[in-house]
């Protein structure tokens, strides 16, 4: 089984960004960010890149693929 994990909560805390603020920056609802953080929703590749850009990080620094 494969799993996409993420560091969103950690990155948001480090940058003092709320779920709502991040959602507004990337053009989604706050609930979407919450679901991504809890691994209940896998973001599209485009959304993953938009999120990574907010934190000035590579996608691989925000999201990890575990097999």
PDB file of N, CA and C in Angstrom:
ATOM      1  N   UNK A   1       0.843  -1.186   0.000  1.00  0.00           N
ATOM      2  CA  UNK A   1       0.000   0.000   0.000  1.00  0.00           C
ATOM      3  C   UNK A   1       0.892   1.256   0.000  1.00  0.00           C
ATOM      4  N   UNK A   2       0.484   2.256  -0.742  1.00  0.00           N
ATOM      5  CA  UNK A   2       1.238   3.504  -0.780  1.00  0.00           C
ATOM      6  C   UNK A   2       0.468   4.592  -0.042  1.00  0.00           C
ATOM      7  N   UNK A   3       1.225   5.559   0.457  1.00  0.00           N
ATOM      8  CA  UNK A   3       0.616   6.622   1.239  1.00  0.00           C
ATOM      9  C   UNK A   3       1.356   7.930   0.997  1.00  0.00           C
ATOM     10  N   UNK A   4       0.587   8.969   0.778  1.00  0.00           N
ATOM     11  CA  UNK A   4       1.163  10.301   0.654  1.00  0.00           C
ATOM     12  C   UNK A   4       1.080  10.964   2.020  1.00  0.00           C
ATOM     13  N   UNK A   5       2.213  11.297   2.582  1.00  0.00           N
ATOM     14  CA  UNK A   5       2.259  11.960   3.883  1.00  0.00           C
ATOM     15  C   UNK A   5       2.688  13.407   3.660  1.00  0.00           C
ATOM     16  N   UNK A   6       2.524  14.244   4.670  1.00  0.00           N
ATOM     17  CA  UNK A   6       2.876  15.647   4.486  1.00  0.00           C
ATOM     18  C   UNK A   6       3.357  16.275   5.785  1.00  0.00           C
ATOM     19  N   UNK A   7       3.969  17.444   5.632  1.00  0.00           N
ATOM     20  CA  UNK A   7       4.479  18.214   6.770  1.00  0.00           C
ATOM     21  C   UNK A   7       3.732  19.548   6.894  1.00  0.00           C
ATOM     22  N   UNK A   8       2.509  19.613   6.400  1.00  0.00           N
ATOM     23  CA  UNK A   8       1.783  20.883   6.380  1.00  0.00           C
ATOM     24  C   UNK A   8       1.637  21.515   7.754  1.00  0.00           C
ATOM     25  N   UNK A   9       1.210  20.746   8.716  1.00  0.00           N
ATOM     26  CA  UNK A   9       0.995  21.306  10.060  1.00  0.00           C
ATOM     27  C   UNK A   9       2.300  21.897  10.605  1.00  0.00           C
ATOM     28  N   UNK A  10       3.382  21.172  10.424  1.00  0.00           N
ATOM     29  CA  UNK A  10       4.691  21.633  10.890  1.00  0.00           C
ATOM     30  C   UNK A  10       5.108  22.924  10.168  1.00  0.00           C
ATOM     31  N   UNK A  11       4.946  22.955   8.856  1.00  0.00           N
ATOM     32  CA  UNK A  11       5.337  24.140   8.087  1.00  0.00           C
ATOM     33  C   UNK A  11       4.454  25.342   8.418  1.00  0.00           C
ATOM     34  N   UNK A  12       3.169  25.099   8.597  1.00  0.00           N
ATOM     35  CA  UNK A  12       2.271  26.202   8.955  1.00  0.00           C
ATOM     36  C   UNK A  12       2.646  26.787  10.304  1.00  0.00           C
ATOM     37  N   UNK A  13       2.966  25.914  11.262  1.00  0.00           N
ATOM     38  CA  UNK A  13       3.352  26.373  12.598  1.00  0.00           C
ATOM     39  C   UNK A  13       4.638  27.188  12.538  1.00  0.00           C
ATOM     40  N   UNK A  14       5.587  26.708  11.767  1.00  0.00           N
ATOM     41  CA  UNK A  14       6.868  27.402  11.647  1.00  0.00           C
ATOM     42  C   UNK A  14       6.698  28.797  11.049  1.00  0.00           C
ATOM     43  N   UNK A  15       5.804  28.914  10.071  1.00  0.00           N
ATOM     44  CA  UNK A  15       5.577  30.197   9.391  1.00  0.00           C
ATOM     45  C   UNK A  15       4.431  30.997   9.999  1.00  0.00           C
ATOM     46  N   UNK A  16       3.796  30.457  11.049  1.00  0.00           N
ATOM     47  CA  UNK A  16       2.664  31.103  11.712  1.00  0.00           C
ATOM     48  C   UNK A  16       1.543  31.417  10.717  1.00  0.00           C
ATOM     49  N   UNK A  17       1.150  30.392   9.961  1.00  0.00           N
ATOM     50  CA  UNK A  17       0.092  30.503   8.957  1.00  0.00           C
ATOM     51  C   UNK A  17      -1.065  29.604   9.392  1.00  0.00           C
ATOM     52  N   UNK A  18      -2.271  30.140   9.402  1.00  0.00           N
ATOM     53  CA  UNK A  18      -3.438  29.338   9.759  1.00  0.00           C
ATOM     54  C   UNK A  18      -3.898  28.517   8.553  1.00  0.00           C
ATOM     55  N   UNK A  19      -4.741  27.533   8.817  1.00  0.00           N
ATOM     56  CA  UNK A  19      -5.308  26.759   7.716  1.00  0.00           C
ATOM     57  C   UNK A  19      -6.065  27.678   6.759  1.00  0.00           C
ATOM     58  N   UNK A  20      -6.813  28.612   7.295  1.00  0.00           N
ATOM     59  CA  UNK A  20      -7.594  29.544   6.472  1.00  0.00           C
ATOM     60  C   UNK A  20      -6.678  30.406   5.607  1.00  0.00           C
ATOM     61  N   UNK A  21      -5.614  30.916   6.190  1.00  0.00           N
ATOM     62  CA  UNK A  21      -4.678  31.739   5.423  1.00  0.00           C
ATOM     63  C   UNK A  21      -4.053  30.940   4.286  1.00  0.00           C
ATOM     64  N   UNK A  22      -3.628  29.724   4.577  1.00  0.00           N
ATOM     65  CA  UNK A  22      -3.038  28.886   3.547  1.00  0.00           C
ATOM     66  C   UNK A  22      -4.061  28.577   2.461  1.00  0.00           C
ATOM     67  N   UNK A  23      -5.259  28.252   2.873  1.00  0.00           N
ATOM     68  CA  UNK A  23      -6.324  27.963   1.907  1.00  0.00           C
ATOM     69  C   UNK A  23      -6.550  29.152   0.978  1.00  0.00           C
ATOM     70  N   UNK A  24      -6.608  30.345   1.541  1.00  0.00           N
ATOM     71  CA  UNK A  24      -6.803  31.543   0.726  1.00  0.00           C
ATOM     72  C   UNK A  24      -5.640  31.753  -0.245  1.00  0.00           C
ATOM     73  N   UNK A  25      -4.434  31.463   0.196  1.00  0.00           N
ATOM     74  CA  UNK A  25      -3.249  31.655  -0.651  1.00  0.00           C
ATOM     75  C   UNK A  25      -3.225  30.707  -1.841  1.00  0.00           C
ATOM     76  N   UNK A  26      -3.769  29.505  -1.664  1.00  0.00           N
ATOM     77  CA  UNK A  26      -3.706  28.514  -2.740  1.00  0.00           C
ATOM     78  C   UNK A  26      -5.042  28.293  -3.439  1.00  0.00           C
ATOM     79  N   UNK A  27      -6.083  29.004  -2.997  1.00  0.00           N
ATOM     80  CA  UNK A  27      -7.362  28.973  -3.697  1.00  0.00           C
ATOM     81  C   UNK A  27      -8.252  27.777  -3.412  1.00  0.00           C
ATOM     82  N   UNK A  28      -8.226  27.309  -2.166  1.00  0.00           N
ATOM     83  CA  UNK A  28      -9.123  26.220  -1.770  1.00  0.00           C
ATOM     84  C   UNK A  28      -9.820  26.598  -0.465  1.00  0.00           C
ATOM     85  N   UNK A  29     -10.722  25.737  -0.006  1.00  0.00           N
ATOM     86  CA  UNK A  29     -11.401  25.978   1.275  1.00  0.00           C
ATOM     87  C   UNK A  29     -10.510  25.509   2.427  1.00  0.00           C
ATOM     88  N   UNK A  30     -10.743  26.079   3.597  1.00  0.00           N
ATOM     89  CA  UNK A  30      -9.981  25.693   4.784  1.00  0.00           C
ATOM     90  C   UNK A  30     -10.116  24.195   5.056  1.00  0.00           C
ATOM     91  N   UNK A  31     -11.296  23.661   4.820  1.00  0.00           N
ATOM     92  CA  UNK A  31     -11.542  22.238   5.066  1.00  0.00           C
ATOM     93  C   UNK A  31     -10.640  21.357   4.199  1.00  0.00           C
ATOM     94  N   UNK A  32     -10.320  21.814   3.010  1.00  0.00           N
ATOM     95  CA  UNK A  32      -9.428  21.056   2.124  1.00  0.00           C
ATOM     96  C   UNK A  32      -8.048  20.933   2.759  1.00  0.00           C
ATOM     97  N   UNK A  33      -7.549  22.042   3.298  1.00  0.00           N
ATOM     98  CA  UNK A  33      -6.242  22.011   3.969  1.00  0.00           C
ATOM     99  C   UNK A  33      -6.296  21.068   5.166  1.00  0.00           C
ATOM    100  N   UNK A  34      -7.360  21.126   5.927  1.00  0.00           N
ATOM    101  CA  UNK A  34      -7.520  20.237   7.077  1.00  0.00           C
ATOM    102  C   UNK A  34      -7.500  18.774   6.644  1.00  0.00           C
ATOM    103  N   UNK A  35      -8.216  18.458   5.586  1.00  0.00           N
ATOM    104  CA  UNK A  35      -8.265  17.074   5.096  1.00  0.00           C
ATOM    105  C   UNK A  35      -6.899  16.613   4.576  1.00  0.00           C
ATOM    106  N   UNK A  36      -6.181  17.501   3.919  1.00  0.00           N
ATOM    107  CA  UNK A  36      -4.840  17.143   3.441  1.00  0.00           C
ATOM    108  C   UNK A  36      -3.933  16.852   4.636  1.00  0.00           C
ATOM    109  N   UNK A  37      -3.965  17.723   5.647  1.00  0.00           N
ATOM    110  CA  UNK A  37      -3.113  17.531   6.830  1.00  0.00           C
ATOM    111  C   UNK A  37      -3.382  16.203   7.515  1.00  0.00           C
ATOM    112  N   UNK A  38      -4.636  15.780   7.533  1.00  0.00           N
ATOM    113  CA  UNK A  38      -5.010  14.536   8.206  1.00  0.00           C
ATOM    114  C   UNK A  38      -4.974  13.327   7.281  1.00  0.00           C
ATOM    115  N   UNK A  39      -4.403  13.516   6.083  1.00  0.00           N
ATOM    116  CA  UNK A  39      -4.285  12.434   5.096  1.00  0.00           C
ATOM    117  C   UNK A  39      -5.636  11.845   4.710  1.00  0.00           C
ATOM    118  N   UNK A  40      -6.654  12.683   4.706  1.00  0.00           N
ATOM    119  CA  UNK A  40      -7.976  12.242   4.259  1.00  0.00           C
ATOM    120  C   UNK A  40      -8.235  12.642   2.808  1.00  0.00           C
ATOM    121  N   UNK A  41      -7.347  13.454   2.257  1.00  0.00           N
ATOM    122  CA  UNK A  41      -7.493  13.935   0.889  1.00  0.00           C
ATOM    123  C   UNK A  41      -6.111  14.069   0.273  1.00  0.00           C
ATOM    124  N   UNK A  42      -5.966  13.567  -0.934  1.00  0.00           N
ATOM    125  CA  UNK A  42      -4.708  13.682  -1.667  1.00  0.00           C
ATOM    126  C   UNK A  42      -4.831  14.846  -2.640  1.00  0.00           C
ATOM    127  N   UNK A  43      -3.988  15.855  -2.495  1.00  0.00           N
ATOM    128  CA  UNK A  43      -4.105  17.017  -3.378  1.00  0.00           C
ATOM    129  C   UNK A  43      -3.660  16.683  -4.801  1.00  0.00           C
ATOM    130  N   UNK A  44      -4.200  17.436  -5.739  1.00  0.00           N
ATOM    131  CA  UNK A  44      -3.738  17.307  -7.120  1.00  0.00           C
ATOM    132  C   UNK A  44      -2.286  17.754  -7.172  1.00  0.00           C
ATOM    133  N   UNK A  45      -1.615  17.399  -8.237  1.00  0.00           N
ATOM    134  CA  UNK A  45      -0.226  17.808  -8.409  1.00  0.00           C
ATOM    135  C   UNK A  45      -0.131  19.329  -8.441  1.00  0.00           C
ATOM    136  N   UNK A  46      -1.067  19.970  -9.118  1.00  0.00           N
ATOM    137  CA  UNK A  46      -1.075  21.433  -9.183  1.00  0.00           C
ATOM    138  C   UNK A  46      -1.211  22.048  -7.796  1.00  0.00           C
ATOM    139  N   UNK A  47      -2.134  21.542  -6.995  1.00  0.00           N
ATOM    140  CA  UNK A  47      -2.326  22.066  -5.649  1.00  0.00           C
ATOM    141  C   UNK A  47      -1.093  21.811  -4.787  1.00  0.00           C
ATOM    142  N   UNK A  48      -0.488  20.654  -4.918  1.00  0.00           N
ATOM    143  CA  UNK A  48       0.724  20.342  -4.156  1.00  0.00           C
ATOM    144  C   UNK A  48       1.821  21.354  -4.468  1.00  0.00           C
ATOM    145  N   UNK A  49       1.967  21.705  -5.745  1.00  0.00           N
ATOM    146  CA  UNK A  49       2.979  22.699  -6.127  1.00  0.00           C
ATOM    147  C   UNK A  49       2.635  24.079  -5.576  1.00  0.00           C
ATOM    148  N   UNK A  50       1.354  24.456  -5.611  1.00  0.00           N
ATOM    149  CA  UNK A  50       0.963  25.767  -5.072  1.00  0.00           C
ATOM    150  C   UNK A  50       1.254  25.836  -3.580  1.00  0.00           C
ATOM    151  N   UNK A  51       0.959  24.766  -2.864  1.00  0.00           N
ATOM    152  CA  UNK A  51       1.236  24.727  -1.425  1.00  0.00           C
ATOM    153  C   UNK A  51       2.741  24.835  -1.175  1.00  0.00           C
ATOM    154  N   UNK A  52       3.518  24.075  -1.904  1.00  0.00           N
ATOM    155  CA  UNK A  52       4.974  24.107  -1.729  1.00  0.00           C
ATOM    156  C   UNK A  52       5.528  25.508  -1.976  1.00  0.00           C
ATOM    157  N   UNK A  53       5.005  26.201  -2.984  1.00  0.00           N
ATOM    158  CA  UNK A  53       5.481  27.555  -3.289  1.00  0.00           C
ATOM    159  C   UNK A  53       5.236  28.518  -2.134  1.00  0.00           C
ATOM    160  N   UNK A  54       4.112  28.359  -1.447  1.00  0.00           N
ATOM    161  CA  UNK A  54       3.815  29.227  -0.306  1.00  0.00           C
ATOM    162  C   UNK A  54       4.949  29.151   0.712  1.00  0.00           C
ATOM    163  N   UNK A  55       5.478  27.958   0.904  1.00  0.00           N
ATOM    164  CA  UNK A  55       6.534  27.748   1.898  1.00  0.00           C
ATOM    165  C   UNK A  55       7.931  27.828   1.277  1.00  0.00           C
ATOM    166  N   UNK A  56       7.997  28.240   0.014  1.00  0.00           N
ATOM    167  CA  UNK A  56       9.273  28.340  -0.708  1.00  0.00           C
ATOM    168  C   UNK A  56      10.063  27.045  -0.571  1.00  0.00           C
ATOM    169  N   UNK A  57       9.361  25.938  -0.811  1.00  0.00           N
ATOM    170  CA  UNK A  57       9.954  24.613  -0.663  1.00  0.00           C
ATOM    171  C   UNK A  57       9.695  23.787  -1.918  1.00  0.00           C
ATOM    172  N   UNK A  58      10.446  22.721  -2.060  1.00  0.00           N
ATOM    173  CA  UNK A  58      10.176  21.749  -3.110  1.00  0.00           C
ATOM    174  C   UNK A  58       8.990  20.903  -2.675  1.00  0.00           C
ATOM    175  N   UNK A  59       8.262  20.381  -3.637  1.00  0.00           N
ATOM    176  CA  UNK A  59       7.120  19.525  -3.324  1.00  0.00           C
ATOM    177  C   UNK A  59       7.546  18.371  -2.427  1.00  0.00           C
ATOM    178  N   UNK A  60       8.725  17.811  -2.703  1.00  0.00           N
ATOM    179  CA  UNK A  60       9.221  16.679  -1.913  1.00  0.00           C
ATOM    180  C   UNK A  60       9.543  17.052  -0.472  1.00  0.00           C
ATOM    181  N   UNK A  61       9.712  18.352  -0.200  1.00  0.00           N
ATOM    182  CA  UNK A  61       9.950  18.795   1.176  1.00  0.00           C
ATOM    183  C   UNK A  61       8.650  18.952   1.958  1.00  0.00           C
ATOM    184  N   UNK A  62       7.545  19.013   1.242  1.00  0.00           N
ATOM    185  CA  UNK A  62       6.232  19.159   1.882  1.00  0.00           C
ATOM    186  C   UNK A  62       5.507  17.814   1.913  1.00  0.00           C
ATOM    187  N   UNK A  63       5.575  17.096   0.808  1.00  0.00           N
ATOM    188  CA  UNK A  63       4.871  15.824   0.667  1.00  0.00           C
ATOM    189  C   UNK A  63       5.862  14.684   0.456  1.00  0.00           C
ATOM    190  N   UNK A  64       5.619  13.555   1.108  1.00  0.00           N
ATOM    191  CA  UNK A  64       6.456  12.381   0.916  1.00  0.00           C
ATOM    192  C   UNK A  64       5.579  11.200   0.510  1.00  0.00           C
ATOM    193  N   UNK A  65       6.098  10.417  -0.375  1.00  0.00           N
ATOM    194  CA  UNK A  65       5.390   9.245  -0.888  1.00  0.00           C
ATOM    195  C   UNK A  65       6.003   8.015  -0.270  1.00  0.00           C
ATOM    196  N   UNK A  66       5.211   7.284   0.497  1.00  0.00           N
ATOM    197  CA  UNK A  66       5.708   6.076   1.163  1.00  0.00           C
ATOM    198  C   UNK A  66       5.068   4.851   0.545  1.00  0.00           C
ATOM    199  N   UNK A  67       5.890   3.846   0.236  1.00  0.00           N
ATOM    200  CA  UNK A  67       5.374   2.601  -0.324  1.00  0.00           C
ATOM    201  C   UNK A  67       5.505   1.489   0.653  1.00  0.00           C
TER     202      UNK A  67
END
